[in-house]
Amino acid sequence: METITFEQYKLLKPGIWMRVYIPGNETASAN
C-alpha cells in the first residue's frame, strides 16, 4: 500500500483512511 499523508487523508474518505493508514507513522487522529 502507498504511504498516505495527512493531506491525502483529508481528500480520502475517513472510512478508507482508517483501513489503509497505519497509526504510528504520523499523528493518527481521525474524526
Protein backbone atom coordinates (compact mmCIF):
# COMPACT_ATOMS: atom_id res chain seq x y z
CA MET A 1 0.00 0.00 0.00
CA GLU A 2 1.12 3.54 -0.65
CA THR A 3 2.03 5.91 2.14
CA ILE A 4 -0.80 8.34 2.83
CA THR A 5 -0.03 11.85 4.03
CA PHE A 6 -2.32 13.94 6.20
CA GLU A 7 -3.34 15.97 3.16
CA GLN A 8 -4.17 12.78 1.29
CA TYR A 9 -6.25 11.70 4.28
CA LYS A 10 -8.41 14.80 4.07
CA LEU A 11 -9.11 14.10 0.40
CA LEU A 12 -9.89 10.44 1.01
CA LYS A 13 -12.90 9.21 2.93
CA PRO A 14 -12.33 8.66 6.68
CA GLY A 15 -13.53 5.06 6.35
CA ILE A 16 -10.91 4.21 3.74
CA TRP A 17 -8.26 6.21 5.59
CA MET A 18 -8.79 4.20 8.76
CA ARG A 19 -8.20 0.99 6.82
CA VAL A 20 -5.09 1.88 4.83
CA TYR A 21 -3.48 4.33 7.24
CA ILE A 22 -1.11 2.85 9.82
CA PRO A 23 -1.08 4.68 13.19
CA GLY A 24 2.42 5.40 14.49
CA ASN A 25 3.94 6.89 11.35
CA GLU A 26 2.20 10.20 11.98
CA THR A 27 -0.39 11.54 14.38
CA ALA A 28 -3.36 9.34 13.61
CA SER A 29 -6.24 11.49 14.77
CA ALA A 30 -9.31 10.67 12.73
CA ASN A 31 -12.62 12.33 13.42
